[in-house]
PDB file of N, CA and C in Angstrom:
ATOM      1  N   MET A   1       0.827  -1.170   0.000  1.00  0.00           N
ATOM      2  CA  MET A   1       0.000   0.000   0.000  1.00  0.00           C
ATOM      3  C   MET A   1       0.885   1.252   0.000  1.00  0.00           C
ATOM      4  N   SER A   2       0.479   2.305  -0.642  1.00  0.00           N
ATOM      5  CA  SER A   2       1.285   3.523  -0.734  1.00  0.00           C
ATOM      6  C   SER A   2       1.013   4.453   0.446  1.00  0.00           C
ATOM      7  N   ASN A   3       1.922   5.366   0.633  1.00  0.00           N
ATOM      8  CA  ASN A   3       1.786   6.336   1.721  1.00  0.00           C
ATOM      9  C   ASN A   3       0.821   7.442   1.326  1.00  0.00           C
ATOM     10  N   ILE A   4       0.117   7.958   2.306  1.00  0.00           N
ATOM     11  CA  ILE A   4      -0.776   9.089   2.072  1.00  0.00           C
ATOM     12  C   ILE A   4       0.067  10.360   2.125  1.00  0.00           C
ATOM     13  N   VAL A   5      -0.086  11.189   1.100  1.00  0.00           N
ATOM     14  CA  VAL A   5       0.710  12.410   1.004  1.00  0.00           C
ATOM     15  C   VAL A   5      -0.222  13.607   0.984  1.00  0.00           C
ATOM     16  N   ASN A   6       0.067  14.572   1.828  1.00  0.00           N
ATOM     17  CA  ASN A   6      -0.673  15.824   1.829  1.00  0.00           C
ATOM     18  C   ASN A   6      -0.128  16.653   0.664  1.00  0.00           C
ATOM     19  N   LEU A   7      -0.921  16.848  -0.379  1.00  0.00           N
ATOM     20  CA  LEU A   7      -0.445  17.525  -1.583  1.00  0.00           C
ATOM     21  C   LEU A   7      -0.066  18.978  -1.324  1.00  0.00           C
ATOM     22  N   ARG A   8      -0.813  19.637  -0.461  1.00  0.00           N
ATOM     23  CA  ARG A   8      -0.497  21.028  -0.142  1.00  0.00           C
ATOM     24  C   ARG A   8       0.894  21.115   0.489  1.00  0.00           C
ATOM     25  N   GLN A   9       1.162  20.229   1.438  1.00  0.00           N
ATOM     26  CA  GLN A   9       2.462  20.220   2.102  1.00  0.00           C
ATOM     27  C   GLN A   9       3.571  19.806   1.127  1.00  0.00           C
ATOM     28  N   ALA A  10       3.298  18.877   0.244  1.00  0.00           N
ATOM     29  CA  ALA A  10       4.289  18.447  -0.741  1.00  0.00           C
ATOM     30  C   ALA A  10       4.638  19.599  -1.684  1.00  0.00           C
ATOM     31  N   ARG A  11       3.628  20.376  -2.095  1.00  0.00           N
ATOM     32  CA  ARG A  11       3.875  21.539  -2.958  1.00  0.00           C
ATOM     33  C   ARG A  11       4.751  22.567  -2.249  1.00  0.00           C
ATOM     34  N   LYS A  12       4.439  22.821  -0.980  1.00  0.00           N
ATOM     35  CA  LYS A  12       5.223  23.786  -0.211  1.00  0.00           C
ATOM     36  C   LYS A  12       6.665  23.307  -0.028  1.00  0.00           C
ATOM     37  N   ASP A  13       6.837  22.022   0.253  1.00  0.00           N
ATOM     38  CA  ASP A  13       8.179  21.464   0.404  1.00  0.00           C
ATOM     39  C   ASP A  13       8.971  21.588  -0.888  1.00  0.00           C
ATOM     40  N   LYS A  14       8.323  21.322  -2.015  1.00  0.00           N
ATOM     41  CA  LYS A  14       8.990  21.441  -3.313  1.00  0.00           C
ATOM     42  C   LYS A  14       9.374  22.891  -3.588  1.00  0.00           C
ATOM     43  N   ALA A  15       8.466  23.826  -3.274  1.00  0.00           N
ATOM     44  CA  ALA A  15       8.749  25.247  -3.485  1.00  0.00           C
ATOM     45  C   ALA A  15       9.914  25.702  -2.610  1.00  0.00           C
ATOM     46  N   ARG A  16       9.941  25.239  -1.353  1.00  0.00           N
ATOM     47  CA  ARG A  16      11.053  25.590  -0.466  1.00  0.00           C
ATOM     48  C   ARG A  16      12.373  25.051  -1.007  1.00  0.00           C
ATOM     49  N   GLY A  17      12.352  23.826  -1.489  1.00  0.00           N
ATOM     50  CA  GLY A  17      13.560  23.224  -2.049  1.00  0.00           C
ATOM     51  C   GLY A  17      14.043  23.969  -3.277  1.00  0.00           C
ATOM     52  N   ASP A  18      13.101  24.347  -4.155  1.00  0.00           N
ATOM     53  CA  ASP A  18      13.471  25.108  -5.351  1.00  0.00           C
ATOM     54  C   ASP A  18      14.075  26.453  -4.973  1.00  0.00           C
ATOM     55  N   LYS A  19      13.447  27.115  -4.003  1.00  0.00           N
ATOM     56  CA  LYS A  19      13.923  28.424  -3.568  1.00  0.00           C
ATOM     57  C   LYS A  19      15.311  28.304  -2.938  1.00  0.00           C
ATOM     58  N   GLN A  20      15.514  27.252  -2.175  1.00  0.00           N
ATOM     59  CA  GLN A  20      16.808  27.041  -1.533  1.00  0.00           C
ATOM     60  C   GLN A  20      17.902  26.770  -2.571  1.00  0.00           C
ATOM     61  N   ARG A  21      17.592  25.977  -3.589  1.00  0.00           N
ATOM     62  CA  ARG A  21      18.572  25.706  -4.644  1.00  0.00           C
ATOM     63  C   ARG A  21      18.908  26.982  -5.416  1.00  0.00           C
ATOM     64  N   GLU A  22      17.897  27.797  -5.683  1.00  0.00           N
ATOM     65  CA  GLU A  22      18.128  29.059  -6.394  1.00  0.00           C
ATOM     66  C   GLU A  22      18.983  30.003  -5.547  1.00  0.00           C
ATOM     67  N   ALA A  23      18.701  30.064  -4.248  1.00  0.00           N
ATOM     68  CA  ALA A  23      19.479  30.918  -3.350  1.00  0.00           C
ATOM     69  C   ALA A  23      20.930  30.451  -3.289  1.00  0.00           C
ATOM     70  N   GLU A  24      21.125  29.149  -3.262  1.00  0.00           N
ATOM     71  CA  GLU A  24      22.480  28.605  -3.230  1.00  0.00           C
ATOM     72  C   GLU A  24      23.245  28.965  -4.505  1.00  0.00           C
ATOM     73  N   ALA A  25      22.564  28.880  -5.644  1.00  0.00           N
ATOM     74  CA  ALA A  25      23.194  29.246  -6.911  1.00  0.00           C
ATOM     75  C   ALA A  25      23.540  30.733  -6.928  1.00  0.00           C
ATOM     76  N   ASN A  26      22.649  31.573  -6.399  1.00  0.00           N
ATOM     77  CA  ASN A  26      22.919  33.011  -6.355  1.00  0.00           C
ATOM     78  C   ASN A  26      24.068  33.335  -5.412  1.00  0.00           C
ATOM     79  N   ARG A  27      24.154  32.626  -4.291  1.00  0.00           N
ATOM     80  CA  ARG A  27      25.275  32.853  -3.377  1.00  0.00           C
ATOM     81  C   ARG A  27      26.592  32.528  -4.065  1.00  0.00           C
ATOM     82  N   ALA A  28      26.610  31.458  -4.822  1.00  0.00           N
ATOM     83  CA  ALA A  28      27.834  31.082  -5.528  1.00  0.00           C
ATOM     84  C   ALA A  28      28.148  32.079  -6.635  1.00  0.00           C
ATOM     85  N   LYS A  29      27.117  32.604  -7.258  1.00  0.00           N
ATOM     86  CA  LYS A  29      27.303  33.493  -8.403  1.00  0.00           C
ATOM     87  C   LYS A  29      27.647  34.920  -7.980  1.00  0.00           C
ATOM     88  N   PHE A  30      26.957  35.452  -6.970  1.00  0.00           N
ATOM     89  CA  PHE A  30      27.099  36.858  -6.611  1.00  0.00           C
ATOM     90  C   PHE A  30      27.740  37.094  -5.250  1.00  0.00           C
ATOM     91  N   GLY A  31      27.766  36.101  -4.407  1.00  0.00           N
ATOM     92  CA  GLY A  31      28.222  36.295  -3.037  1.00  0.00           C
ATOM     93  C   GLY A  31      29.718  36.527  -2.953  1.00  0.00           C
ATOM     94  N   ARG A  32      30.095  37.448  -2.089  1.00  0.00           N
ATOM     95  CA  ARG A  32      31.505  37.718  -1.836  1.00  0.00           C
ATOM     96  C   ARG A  32      31.678  37.869  -0.332  1.00  0.00           C
ATOM     97  N   THR A  33      32.789  37.412   0.167  1.00  0.00           N
ATOM     98  CA  THR A  33      33.035  37.525   1.594  1.00  0.00           C
ATOM     99  C   THR A  33      33.437  38.956   1.935  1.00  0.00           C
ATOM    100  N   LYS A  34      33.386  39.264   3.209  1.00  0.00           N
ATOM    101  CA  LYS A  34      33.760  40.596   3.669  1.00  0.00           C
ATOM    102  C   LYS A  34      35.232  40.865   3.341  1.00  0.00           C
ATOM    103  N   ALA A  35      36.068  39.865   3.490  1.00  0.00           N
ATOM    104  CA  ALA A  35      37.493  40.015   3.192  1.00  0.00           C
ATOM    105  C   ALA A  35      37.710  40.334   1.715  1.00  0.00           C
ATOM    106  N   GLN A  36      36.944  39.699   0.838  1.00  0.00           N
ATOM    107  CA  GLN A  36      37.072  39.982  -0.591  1.00  0.00           C
ATOM    108  C   GLN A  36      36.649  41.411  -0.903  1.00  0.00           C
ATOM    109  N   ARG A  37      35.545  41.874  -0.289  1.00  0.00           N
ATOM    110  CA  ARG A  37      35.094  43.248  -0.514  1.00  0.00           C
ATOM    111  C   ARG A  37      36.129  44.246  -0.007  1.00  0.00           C
ATOM    112  N   GLN A  38      36.713  43.985   1.161  1.00  0.00           N
ATOM    113  CA  GLN A  38      37.726  44.881   1.713  1.00  0.00           C
ATOM    114  C   GLN A  38      38.977  44.903   0.843  1.00  0.00           C
ATOM    115  N   ALA A  39      39.386  43.749   0.353  1.00  0.00           N
ATOM    116  CA  ALA A  39      40.564  43.681  -0.510  1.00  0.00           C
ATOM    117  C   ALA A  39      40.327  44.469  -1.794  1.00  0.00           C
ATOM    118  N   ASP A  40      39.146  44.361  -2.363  1.00  0.00           N
ATOM    119  CA  ASP A  40      38.824  45.120  -3.571  1.00  0.00           C
ATOM    120  C   ASP A  40      38.809  46.618  -3.295  1.00  0.00           C
ATOM    121  N   ALA A  41      38.283  47.020  -2.145  1.00  0.00           N
ATOM    122  CA  ALA A  41      38.248  48.439  -1.788  1.00  0.00           C
ATOM    123  C   ALA A  41      39.663  48.980  -1.597  1.00  0.00           C
ATOM    124  N   GLU A  42      40.525  48.206  -0.948  1.00  0.00           N
ATOM    125  CA  GLU A  42      41.913  48.627  -0.750  1.00  0.00           C
ATOM    126  C   GLU A  42      42.644  48.733  -2.079  1.00  0.00           C
ATOM    127  N   GLN A  43      42.393  47.798  -2.971  1.00  0.00           N
ATOM    128  CA  GLN A  43      43.030  47.834  -4.282  1.00  0.00           C
ATOM    129  C   GLN A  43      42.563  49.054  -5.070  1.00  0.00           C
ATOM    130  N   ALA A  44      41.278  49.379  -4.996  1.00  0.00           N
ATOM    131  CA  ALA A  44      40.757  50.562  -5.686  1.00  0.00           C
ATOM    132  C   ALA A  44      41.372  51.834  -5.107  1.00  0.00           C
ATOM    133  N   ALA A  45      41.562  51.874  -3.792  1.00  0.00           N
ATOM    134  CA  ALA A  45      42.178  53.042  -3.160  1.00  0.00           C
ATOM    135  C   ALA A  45      43.629  53.190  -3.605  1.00  0.00           C
ATOM    136  N   ARG A  46      44.353  52.073  -3.694  1.00  0.00           N
ATOM    137  CA  ARG A  46      45.743  52.131  -4.165  1.00  0.00           C
ATOM    138  C   ARG A  46      45.813  52.625  -5.603  1.00  0.00           C
ATOM    139  N   ARG A  47      44.891  52.150  -6.440  1.00  0.00           N
ATOM    140  CA  ARG A  47      44.868  52.603  -7.836  1.00  0.00           C
ATOM    141  C   ARG A  47      44.586  54.096  -7.923  1.00  0.00           C
ATOM    142  N   ALA A  48      43.628  54.574  -7.135  1.00  0.00           N
ATOM    143  CA  ALA A  48      43.283  55.996  -7.149  1.00  0.00           C
ATOM    144  C   ALA A  48      44.462  56.834  -6.675  1.00  0.00           C
ATOM    145  N   GLN A  49      45.158  56.367  -5.650  1.00  0.00           N
ATOM    146  CA  GLN A  49      46.310  57.093  -5.135  1.00  0.00           C
ATOM    147  C   GLN A  49      47.433  57.120  -6.174  1.00  0.00           C
ATOM    148  N   LEU A  50      47.649  56.023  -6.858  1.00  0.00           N
ATOM    149  CA  LEU A  50      48.672  55.966  -7.890  1.00  0.00           C
ATOM    150  C   LEU A  50      48.335  56.913  -9.032  1.00  0.00           C
ATOM    151  N   LEU A  51      47.080  56.945  -9.421  1.00  0.00           N
ATOM    152  CA  LEU A  51      46.653  57.837 -10.494  1.00  0.00           C
ATOM    153  C   LEU A  51      46.788  59.292 -10.066  1.00  0.00           C
ATOM    154  N   GLU A  52      46.388  59.609  -8.848  1.00  0.00           N
ATOM    155  CA  GLU A  52      46.489  60.982  -8.348  1.00  0.00           C
ATOM    156  C   GLU A  52      47.952  61.407  -8.277  1.00  0.00           C
ATOM    157  N   GLY A  53      48.826  60.494  -7.932  1.00  0.00           N
ATOM    158  CA  GLY A  53      50.247  60.803  -7.855  1.00  0.00           C
ATOM    159  C   GLY A  53      50.877  61.022  -9.219  1.00  0.00           C
ATOM    160  N   ALA A  54      50.243  60.573 -10.269  1.00  0.00           N
ATOM    161  CA  ALA A  54      50.791  60.720 -11.610  1.00  0.00           C
ATOM    162  C   ALA A  54      50.451  62.071 -12.231  1.00  0.00           C
ATOM    163  N   PHE A  55      49.521  62.828 -11.633  1.00  0.00           N
ATOM    164  CA  PHE A  55      49.163  64.138 -12.177  1.00  0.00           C
ATOM    165  C   PHE A  55      50.276  65.141 -11.906  1.00  0.00           C
ATOM    166  N   ARG A  56      50.422  66.077 -12.825  1.00  0.00           N
ATOM    167  CA  ARG A  56      51.397  67.142 -12.635  1.00  0.00           C
ATOM    168  C   ARG A  56      50.837  68.158 -11.658  1.00  0.00           C
ATOM    169  N   GLU A  57      51.723  68.795 -10.915  1.00  0.00           N
ATOM    170  CA  GLU A  57      51.298  69.764  -9.911  1.00  0.00           C
ATOM    171  C   GLU A  57      50.798  71.056 -10.547  1.00  0.00           C
ATOM    172  N   ASP A  58      51.343  71.447 -11.695  1.00  0.00           N
ATOM    173  CA  ASP A  58      51.001  72.734 -12.295  1.00  0.00           C
ATOM    174  C   ASP A  58      49.880  72.643 -13.329  1.00  0.00           C
ATOM    175  N   ARG A  59      49.096  71.612 -13.253  1.00  0.00           N
ATOM    176  CA  ARG A  59      48.001  71.499 -14.216  1.00  0.00           C
ATOM    177  C   ARG A  59      46.950  72.563 -13.929  1.00  0.00           C
ATOM    178  N   ARG A  60      46.287  73.019 -14.994  1.00  0.00           N
ATOM    179  CA  ARG A  60      45.267  74.053 -14.851  1.00  0.00           C
ATOM    180  C   ARG A  60      43.895  73.424 -14.923  1.00  0.00           C
ATOM    181  N   ASP A  61      42.975  74.072 -14.278  1.00  0.00           N
ATOM    182  CA  ASP A  61      41.592  73.618 -14.302  1.00  0.00           C
ATOM    183  C   ASP A  61      40.973  74.056 -15.620  1.00  0.00           C
ATOM    184  N   ALA A  62      40.470  73.127 -16.400  1.00  0.00           N
ATOM    185  CA  ALA A  62      39.908  73.435 -17.719  1.00  0.00           C
ATOM    186  C   ALA A  62      38.600  74.198 -17.615  1.00  0.00           C
ATOM    187  N   SER A  63      37.986  74.238 -16.454  1.00  0.00           N
ATOM    188  CA  SER A  63      36.689  74.896 -16.326  1.00  0.00           C
ATOM    189  C   SER A  63      36.816  76.399 -16.112  1.00  0.00           C
ATOM    190  N   SER A  64      38.018  76.927 -15.884  1.00  0.00           N
ATOM    191  CA  SER A  64      38.168  78.367 -15.667  1.00  0.00           C
ATOM    192  C   SER A  64      39.104  78.967 -16.713  1.00  0.00           C
ATOM    193  N   PRO A  65      38.571  79.444 -17.837  1.00  0.00           N
ATOM    194  CA  PRO A  65      39.408  80.026 -18.888  1.00  0.00           C
ATOM    195  C   PRO A  65      39.929  81.411 -18.525  1.00  0.00           C
ATOM    196  N   GLU A  66      39.486  82.038 -17.416  1.00  0.00           N
ATOM    197  CA  GLU A  66      39.943  83.368 -17.033  1.00  0.00           C
ATOM    198  C   GLU A  66      41.406  83.353 -16.630  1.00  0.00           C
ATOM    199  N   ASP A  67      41.892  82.238 -16.125  1.00  0.00           N
ATOM    200  CA  ASP A  67      43.278  82.149 -15.684  1.00  0.00           C
ATOM    201  C   ASP A  67      44.249  82.260 -16.848  1.00  0.00           C
ATOM    202  N   GLU A  68      43.831  81.882 -18.039  1.00  0.00           N
ATOM    203  CA  GLU A  68      44.705  81.913 -19.206  1.00  0.00           C
ATOM    204  C   GLU A  68      44.924  83.324 -19.717  1.00  0.00           C
ATOM    205  N   ALA A  69      43.995  84.236 -19.510  1.00  0.00           N
ATOM    206  CA  ALA A  69      44.080  85.590 -20.061  1.00  0.00           C
ATOM    207  C   ALA A  69      44.880  86.523 -19.210  1.00  0.00           C
TER     208      ALA A  69
END
């Protein structure tokens, strides 16, 4: 003889399982640890500092043409 299954509960269990699998896939796809985010932020700061250090000190602001006259 077969087991009696509550269809409403079976549907909910299936939906929970599907949602959990989707969440797991999204965590693998988009999730990043705090250490990874901090490392990326530090790397971006180093790049910005390197770029800022490459500018010449006597550069003029292009938005003020009065200084040229």
